[in-house]
Amino acid sequence: MKINCLFDCLFLSTLMFILGCSKGENDKSNPLNEKPKSEADVEILFIGNSHTYYNSGVPFHVGRFIEKDNLPNAPLIAESSFGGFSLADHMNNATTLEKINERDWEYIILQENTFVAANTDESTLEALTSFKEMVSQKSTKIYLFMTWEYKGEPEMYQPIKKTYEDGAIAIGAEIVPVGQVWRNIVRDSIVNIELYNEDGYHPSPQGTFLAAAMFYAELFKKNPSDNPYQSGLETEVANYLKLKAN
């Protein structure tokens, strides 16, 4: 009798364990099914093209600014950027879509292809609306990375500016006007800082540093001039760019 009772108890215990595991795997309330959360206080995703990833990338240099702050929990900064991509291209890219849905990002930064921004306002607005719909159930804040006109083509500036302004209004985003500050620096006859790469399209190391300093200032509400990071640039150049970025 005792032996039979022992077998019955073992059988019931095993059955309850199996059912419990099964419920855990399929129960959507199970924390294991929730999107991962890092130990970082802030989680940021950059989406763009070579204007975002050139010179090790704007996300990389934003991270280096933050390292100098010695925060207890450094932010998680990720990116999905591919050469020549427009925002419409990203909306059809599995890697980007998977990255967006990977976690509930606090900030997502969207950078449009410069030629597209200067010539096809409708395409950008459609893509921005699609992005907004993807994150509409989240608390994610969207920033727009306004880029610069091609070197020697100042007529591109106003269409680019308008595209980003219209996009920001349409989806309730904020603009980080890198292209506007860039233009002011290029037109400043007092300084001799080359923001363009030799191809006249991409950023030089100074240009990428300017963009990173502006995102550091905007996302973390800090004055870049108070941060010692200078990315190997001459101190005078780095200090000037930090001053303009704030």
Protein backbone atom coordinates (compact mmCIF):
# COMPACT_ATOMS: atom_id res chain seq x y z
CA MET A 1 0.00 0.00 0.00
CA LYS A 2 2.77 2.42 0.95
CA ILE A 3 4.65 1.64 -2.26
CA ASN A 4 1.56 2.33 -4.39
CA CYS A 5 0.99 5.60 -2.56
CA LEU A 6 4.60 6.58 -3.17
CA PHE A 7 4.27 5.92 -6.91
CA ASP A 8 1.00 7.88 -7.02
CA CYS A 9 2.61 10.88 -5.34
CA LEU A 10 5.58 10.81 -7.69
CA PHE A 11 3.26 10.57 -10.71
CA LEU A 12 1.15 13.53 -9.58
CA SER A 13 4.21 15.65 -8.81
CA THR A 14 5.68 14.93 -12.25
CA LEU A 15 2.38 15.72 -13.96
CA MET A 16 2.02 19.04 -12.14
CA PHE A 17 5.60 19.97 -13.08
CA ILE A 18 4.97 19.24 -16.78
CA LEU A 19 1.72 21.22 -16.80
CA GLY A 20 3.40 24.10 -15.01
CA CYS A 21 6.20 24.24 -17.58
CA SER A 22 3.70 24.09 -20.43
CA LYS A 23 1.71 26.98 -18.98
CA GLY A 24 4.85 29.01 -18.50
CA GLU A 25 5.89 28.63 -22.12
CA ASN A 26 2.52 29.70 -23.51
CA ASP A 27 1.35 32.19 -20.91
CA LYS A 28 1.85 35.67 -22.39
CA SER A 29 1.92 37.14 -18.91
CA ASN A 30 5.12 35.24 -18.23
CA PRO A 31 8.02 37.71 -17.78
CA LEU A 32 10.12 35.49 -20.04
CA ASN A 33 7.90 36.59 -22.95
CA GLU A 34 8.39 40.28 -22.27
CA LYS A 35 10.79 42.33 -24.36
CA PRO A 36 14.24 42.41 -22.83
CA LYS A 37 15.22 45.33 -20.65
CA SER A 38 18.87 46.15 -20.20
CA GLU A 39 20.42 47.60 -17.07
CA ALA A 40 20.80 50.88 -18.94
CA ASP A 41 18.78 53.87 -17.79
CA VAL A 42 18.24 54.91 -21.43
CA GLU A 43 17.91 52.77 -24.57
CA ILE A 44 18.49 54.53 -27.90
CA LEU A 45 18.19 53.31 -31.49
CA PHE A 46 19.63 55.17 -34.50
CA ILE A 47 18.18 54.36 -37.94
CA GLY A 48 19.86 55.84 -41.00
CA ASN A 49 22.54 55.37 -43.63
CA SER A 50 26.21 56.26 -44.12
CA HIS A 51 25.62 59.77 -42.74
CA THR A 52 24.90 57.98 -39.46
CA TYR A 53 27.65 55.33 -39.56
CA TYR A 54 30.60 57.21 -41.13
CA ASN A 55 33.75 57.72 -39.01
CA SER A 56 32.78 54.94 -36.59
CA GLY A 57 29.29 56.43 -36.46
CA VAL A 58 27.33 59.07 -34.58
CA PRO A 59 26.05 56.43 -32.09
CA PHE A 60 29.63 55.42 -31.27
CA HIS A 61 30.71 58.98 -30.50
CA VAL A 62 27.58 59.72 -28.47
CA GLY A 63 28.59 56.69 -26.41
CA ARG A 64 32.09 58.09 -25.94
CA PHE A 65 30.65 61.37 -24.67
CA ILE A 66 28.59 59.39 -22.17
CA GLU A 67 31.59 57.34 -21.03
CA LYS A 68 33.22 60.56 -19.87
CA ASP A 69 30.21 61.20 -17.63
CA ASN A 70 30.95 58.05 -15.62
CA LEU A 71 27.28 57.21 -15.17
CA PRO A 72 26.39 54.21 -12.96
CA ASN A 73 24.36 52.68 -15.79
CA ALA A 74 25.57 53.62 -19.26
CA PRO A 75 22.85 53.94 -21.90
CA LEU A 76 22.27 51.21 -24.46
CA ILE A 77 22.93 52.73 -27.89
CA ALA A 78 22.23 50.67 -31.01
CA GLU A 79 21.84 51.35 -34.72
CA SER A 80 20.49 49.98 -37.96
CA SER A 81 22.18 51.80 -40.81
CA PHE A 82 22.91 50.79 -44.38
CA GLY A 83 24.65 52.71 -47.16
CA GLY A 84 22.29 54.73 -49.34
CA PHE A 85 19.17 53.69 -47.43
CA SER A 86 16.11 55.90 -47.27
CA LEU A 87 13.54 55.61 -44.50
CA ALA A 88 11.25 53.85 -46.99
CA ASP A 89 14.02 51.27 -47.54
CA HIS A 90 14.19 50.71 -43.79
CA MET A 91 10.46 50.05 -43.64
CA ASN A 92 11.04 47.11 -45.97
CA ASN A 93 14.17 45.85 -44.24
CA ALA A 94 13.81 42.86 -41.93
CA THR A 95 16.88 43.77 -39.87
CA THR A 96 15.58 47.26 -39.10
CA LEU A 97 12.06 46.08 -38.31
CA GLU A 98 13.42 43.37 -36.02
CA LYS A 99 15.61 45.91 -34.28
CA ILE A 100 12.69 48.28 -33.69
CA ASN A 101 10.62 45.47 -32.17
CA GLU A 102 13.52 44.12 -30.14
CA ARG A 103 12.66 46.29 -27.14
CA ASP A 104 10.68 49.36 -26.10
CA TRP A 105 13.27 51.97 -27.03
CA GLU A 106 13.15 55.22 -25.12
CA TYR A 107 14.44 57.15 -28.13
CA ILE A 108 14.50 56.33 -31.84
CA ILE A 109 16.45 58.62 -34.17
CA LEU A 110 15.46 58.61 -37.84
CA GLN A 111 17.78 59.92 -40.56
CA GLU A 112 16.48 60.27 -44.10
CA ASN A 113 18.57 59.86 -47.25
CA THR A 114 19.66 63.44 -48.05
CA PHE A 115 18.79 63.27 -51.76
CA VAL A 116 15.35 61.90 -50.91
CA ALA A 117 14.77 64.60 -48.30
CA ALA A 118 15.70 67.28 -50.83
CA ASN A 119 13.54 65.91 -53.65
CA THR A 120 10.68 63.67 -52.51
CA ASP A 121 8.93 65.10 -49.47
CA GLU A 122 5.95 62.71 -49.87
CA SER A 123 8.10 59.59 -49.65
CA THR A 124 9.64 60.75 -46.39
CA LEU A 125 6.28 61.65 -44.86
CA GLU A 126 4.84 58.24 -45.75
CA ALA A 127 7.81 56.44 -44.21
CA LEU A 128 7.73 58.58 -41.06
CA THR A 129 4.02 57.86 -40.64
CA SER A 130 4.73 54.14 -40.90
CA PHE A 131 7.46 54.37 -38.28
CA LYS A 132 5.16 56.30 -35.98
CA GLU A 133 2.47 53.65 -36.29
CA MET A 134 4.98 50.96 -35.37
CA VAL A 135 5.81 52.63 -32.07
CA SER A 136 2.42 54.22 -31.35
CA GLN A 137 1.73 51.83 -28.46
CA LYS A 138 5.06 52.59 -26.84
CA SER A 139 6.37 55.56 -24.91
CA THR A 140 9.17 55.91 -27.47
CA LYS A 141 10.13 59.46 -28.40
CA ILE A 142 11.17 60.02 -32.01
CA TYR A 143 13.89 62.44 -33.08
CA LEU A 144 14.71 63.37 -36.67
CA PHE A 145 18.37 63.65 -37.65
CA MET A 146 18.34 66.54 -40.14
CA THR A 147 21.35 66.20 -42.43
CA TRP A 148 23.15 68.77 -44.57
CA GLU A 149 23.15 69.75 -48.23
CA TYR A 150 25.83 68.40 -50.53
CA LYS A 151 28.94 70.54 -50.73
CA GLY A 152 28.53 73.28 -53.32
CA GLU A 153 24.76 72.70 -53.61
CA PRO A 154 23.22 75.23 -51.18
CA GLU A 155 19.88 75.04 -53.02
CA MET A 156 19.29 71.69 -51.33
CA TYR A 157 19.11 73.22 -47.87
CA GLN A 158 15.59 74.67 -47.88
CA PRO A 159 13.90 71.55 -49.31
CA ILE A 160 15.73 69.38 -46.77
CA LYS A 161 14.74 71.69 -43.93
CA LYS A 162 11.10 71.73 -45.06
CA THR A 163 10.95 67.94 -45.33
CA TYR A 164 12.16 67.51 -41.77
CA GLU A 165 9.89 70.26 -40.44
CA ASP A 166 6.84 68.78 -42.18
CA GLY A 167 7.80 65.33 -40.92
CA ALA A 168 8.22 66.51 -37.35
CA ILE A 169 4.77 68.11 -37.38
CA ALA A 170 3.17 65.06 -38.99
CA ILE A 171 4.34 62.57 -36.37
CA GLY A 172 4.98 64.75 -33.34
CA ALA A 173 8.75 64.31 -33.46
CA GLU A 174 11.56 66.70 -32.61
CA ILE A 175 14.33 67.73 -34.99
CA VAL A 176 18.00 67.68 -34.15
CA PRO A 177 19.02 70.26 -36.78
CA VAL A 178 22.54 69.11 -37.53
CA GLY A 179 22.24 70.39 -41.11
CA GLN A 180 21.30 73.86 -39.93
CA VAL A 181 24.22 74.19 -37.51
CA TRP A 182 26.47 72.61 -40.15
CA ARG A 183 25.44 75.31 -42.64
CA ASN A 184 26.16 78.08 -40.13
CA ILE A 185 29.64 76.72 -39.49
CA VAL A 186 30.41 76.37 -43.21
CA ARG A 187 29.35 79.99 -43.74
CA ASP A 188 31.43 81.22 -40.79
CA SER A 189 34.41 82.93 -42.40
CA ILE A 190 36.23 83.17 -39.07
CA VAL A 191 36.93 79.46 -38.74
CA ASN A 192 38.57 76.97 -41.06
CA ILE A 193 36.91 73.66 -40.15
CA GLU A 194 36.11 71.13 -42.87
CA LEU A 195 32.90 69.30 -42.01
CA TYR A 196 32.67 67.47 -45.34
CA ASN A 197 34.47 64.32 -46.34
CA GLU A 198 36.50 64.76 -49.53
CA ASP A 199 33.58 63.34 -51.56
CA GLY A 200 31.45 66.37 -50.66
CA TYR A 201 28.56 64.23 -49.35
CA HIS A 202 29.61 62.42 -46.21
CA PRO A 203 30.82 63.92 -42.94
CA SER A 204 34.46 64.35 -42.08
CA PRO A 205 35.50 63.32 -38.55
CA GLN A 206 34.71 66.90 -37.52
CA GLY A 207 31.26 66.64 -39.07
CA THR A 208 30.46 63.40 -37.27
CA PHE A 209 31.75 64.88 -34.01
CA LEU A 210 29.42 67.87 -34.42
CA ALA A 211 26.42 65.58 -34.96
CA ALA A 212 27.33 63.42 -31.96
CA ALA A 213 27.77 66.47 -29.73
CA MET A 214 24.34 67.74 -30.78
CA PHE A 215 22.66 64.41 -29.97
CA TYR A 216 24.51 64.25 -26.66
CA ALA A 217 23.18 67.71 -25.82
CA GLU A 218 19.62 66.97 -26.92
CA LEU A 219 19.12 63.45 -25.57
CA PHE A 220 20.89 63.91 -22.24
CA LYS A 221 20.31 67.64 -21.72
CA LYS A 222 23.99 68.22 -21.10
CA ASN A 223 26.36 70.89 -22.32
CA PRO A 224 29.02 69.27 -24.56
CA SER A 225 31.45 72.00 -23.56
CA ASP A 226 31.46 70.56 -20.04
CA ASN A 227 32.51 67.15 -21.37
CA PRO A 228 36.23 66.41 -22.00
CA TYR A 229 35.66 64.06 -24.95
CA GLN A 230 37.16 65.36 -28.20
CA SER A 231 37.56 62.28 -30.42
CA GLY A 232 41.20 62.95 -31.24
CA LEU A 233 40.44 66.37 -32.68
CA GLU A 234 42.55 69.40 -31.86
CA THR A 235 41.30 70.95 -28.64
CA GLU A 236 40.46 74.26 -30.30
CA VAL A 237 38.42 72.54 -33.02
CA ALA A 238 36.60 70.23 -30.59
CA ASN A 239 35.77 73.13 -28.27
CA TYR A 240 34.38 75.20 -31.15
CA LEU A 241 32.18 72.35 -32.38
CA LYS A 242 30.92 71.63 -28.85
CA LEU A 243 30.02 75.30 -28.44
CA LYS A 244 28.04 75.29 -31.68
CA ALA A 245 26.37 71.98 -30.79
CA ASN A 246 24.85 73.21 -27.54
